[in-house]
Amino acid sequence: MAINNNQRIRIRLKAFDHRLIDRSTRAIVETARRTGAIIKGPIPLPTKVERYTVLISPHVDKDARDQYEIRTHKRLVDIVQPTDKTVVYKK
């Protein structure tokens, strides 16, 4: 009987700060490689941009507006062949 070793751990990260998500992704990849797992990624996913326009005048001046946006950065890391050490690894 063949052993099914098609297990995979998929990690999706979301953050508003791209530096923070890159640092976290790098830490995950280094930790998984240290335990002997095979890594695919980090794969950058499309950034979601939400824009909001707010009237800053309390009454009639429709031309006075502020615009804000929130950028949500996403990354994907696949651990293709995790070992037992990968699942329970502690620093």
Protein backbone atom coordinates (compact mmCIF):
# COMPACT_ATOMS: atom_id res chain seq x y z
CA MET A 1 0.00 0.00 0.00
CA ALA A 2 1.39 3.42 -0.94
CA ILE A 3 1.86 6.08 1.70
CA ASN A 4 -0.07 9.27 1.02
CA ASN A 5 2.33 12.13 1.69
CA ASN A 6 0.33 14.89 -0.02
CA GLN A 7 -0.05 16.92 3.14
CA ARG A 8 0.32 20.66 2.89
CA ILE A 9 0.15 23.61 5.23
CA ARG A 10 -1.13 26.80 3.60
CA ILE A 11 -0.60 30.05 5.47
CA ARG A 12 -2.31 33.27 4.32
CA LEU A 13 -1.10 36.47 5.92
CA LYS A 14 -2.85 39.85 5.86
CA ALA A 15 -1.49 43.17 7.12
CA PHE A 16 -1.86 46.89 6.57
CA ASP A 17 1.93 47.43 6.70
CA HIS A 18 3.91 45.71 3.93
CA ARG A 19 7.16 45.80 5.95
CA LEU A 20 5.55 43.91 8.81
CA ILE A 21 4.06 41.23 6.57
CA ASP A 22 7.39 40.75 4.75
CA ARG A 23 9.23 40.36 8.07
CA SER A 24 6.67 37.84 9.35
CA THR A 25 6.76 35.88 6.09
CA ARG A 26 10.56 35.74 6.19
CA ALA A 27 10.45 34.40 9.78
CA ILE A 28 7.94 31.68 8.84
CA VAL A 29 9.99 30.60 5.81
CA GLU A 30 13.26 30.48 7.79
CA THR A 31 11.64 28.46 10.58
CA ALA A 32 10.10 25.95 8.17
CA ARG A 33 13.36 25.52 6.24
CA ARG A 34 15.26 25.01 9.50
CA THR A 35 13.01 22.02 10.26
CA GLY A 36 13.59 20.45 6.83
CA ALA A 37 10.28 21.25 5.15
CA ILE A 38 9.91 22.20 1.49
CA ILE A 39 8.57 25.73 0.97
CA LYS A 40 6.74 27.35 -1.94
CA GLY A 41 6.50 31.08 -1.65
CA PRO A 42 6.10 33.65 -0.30
CA ILE A 43 3.64 34.48 -3.06
CA PRO A 44 2.39 38.09 -3.06
CA LEU A 45 -1.36 38.22 -3.58
CA PRO A 46 -3.18 41.31 -4.93
CA THR A 47 -3.34 44.27 -2.58
CA LYS A 48 -6.88 45.30 -1.68
CA VAL A 49 -7.36 49.09 -1.66
CA GLU A 50 -10.43 50.53 0.05
CA ARG A 51 -10.98 54.24 -0.58
CA TYR A 52 -13.27 56.48 1.45
CA THR A 53 -14.31 60.05 0.63
CA VAL A 54 -15.54 62.17 3.53
CA LEU A 55 -17.14 65.62 3.44
CA ILE A 56 -15.13 67.90 5.73
CA SER A 57 -17.56 70.80 5.63
CA PRO A 58 -20.39 70.55 8.15
CA HIS A 59 -22.96 72.15 5.82
CA VAL A 60 -23.12 73.02 2.14
CA ASP A 61 -19.59 73.08 0.68
CA LYS A 62 -19.58 69.90 -1.41
CA ASP A 63 -16.11 70.68 -2.84
CA ALA A 64 -14.38 70.34 0.53
CA ARG A 65 -13.59 66.64 0.88
CA ASP A 66 -10.89 64.40 2.31
CA GLN A 67 -9.97 61.07 0.81
CA TYR A 68 -8.61 58.14 2.81
CA GLU A 69 -7.52 54.67 1.82
CA ILE A 70 -6.67 51.42 3.55
CA ARG A 71 -4.32 49.03 1.79
CA THR A 72 -4.50 45.36 2.80
CA HIS A 73 -1.39 43.47 1.71
CA LYS A 74 -1.58 39.68 1.45
CA ARG A 75 1.02 36.91 1.18
CA LEU A 76 0.70 33.16 0.72
CA VAL A 77 3.19 30.57 1.99
CA ASP A 78 2.82 26.86 1.20
CA ILE A 79 4.70 24.30 3.26
CA VAL A 80 4.51 21.40 0.83
CA GLN A 81 6.07 18.53 2.76
CA PRO A 82 5.94 19.38 6.45
CA THR A 83 7.90 17.23 8.85
CA ASP A 84 6.91 16.40 12.40
CA LYS A 85 9.34 19.08 13.58
CA THR A 86 7.62 21.70 11.42
CA VAL A 87 4.25 21.28 13.10
CA VAL A 88 5.50 21.51 16.70
CA TYR A 89 8.58 23.74 16.28
CA LYS A 90 9.26 26.20 19.10
CA LYS A 91 11.98 28.84 19.10
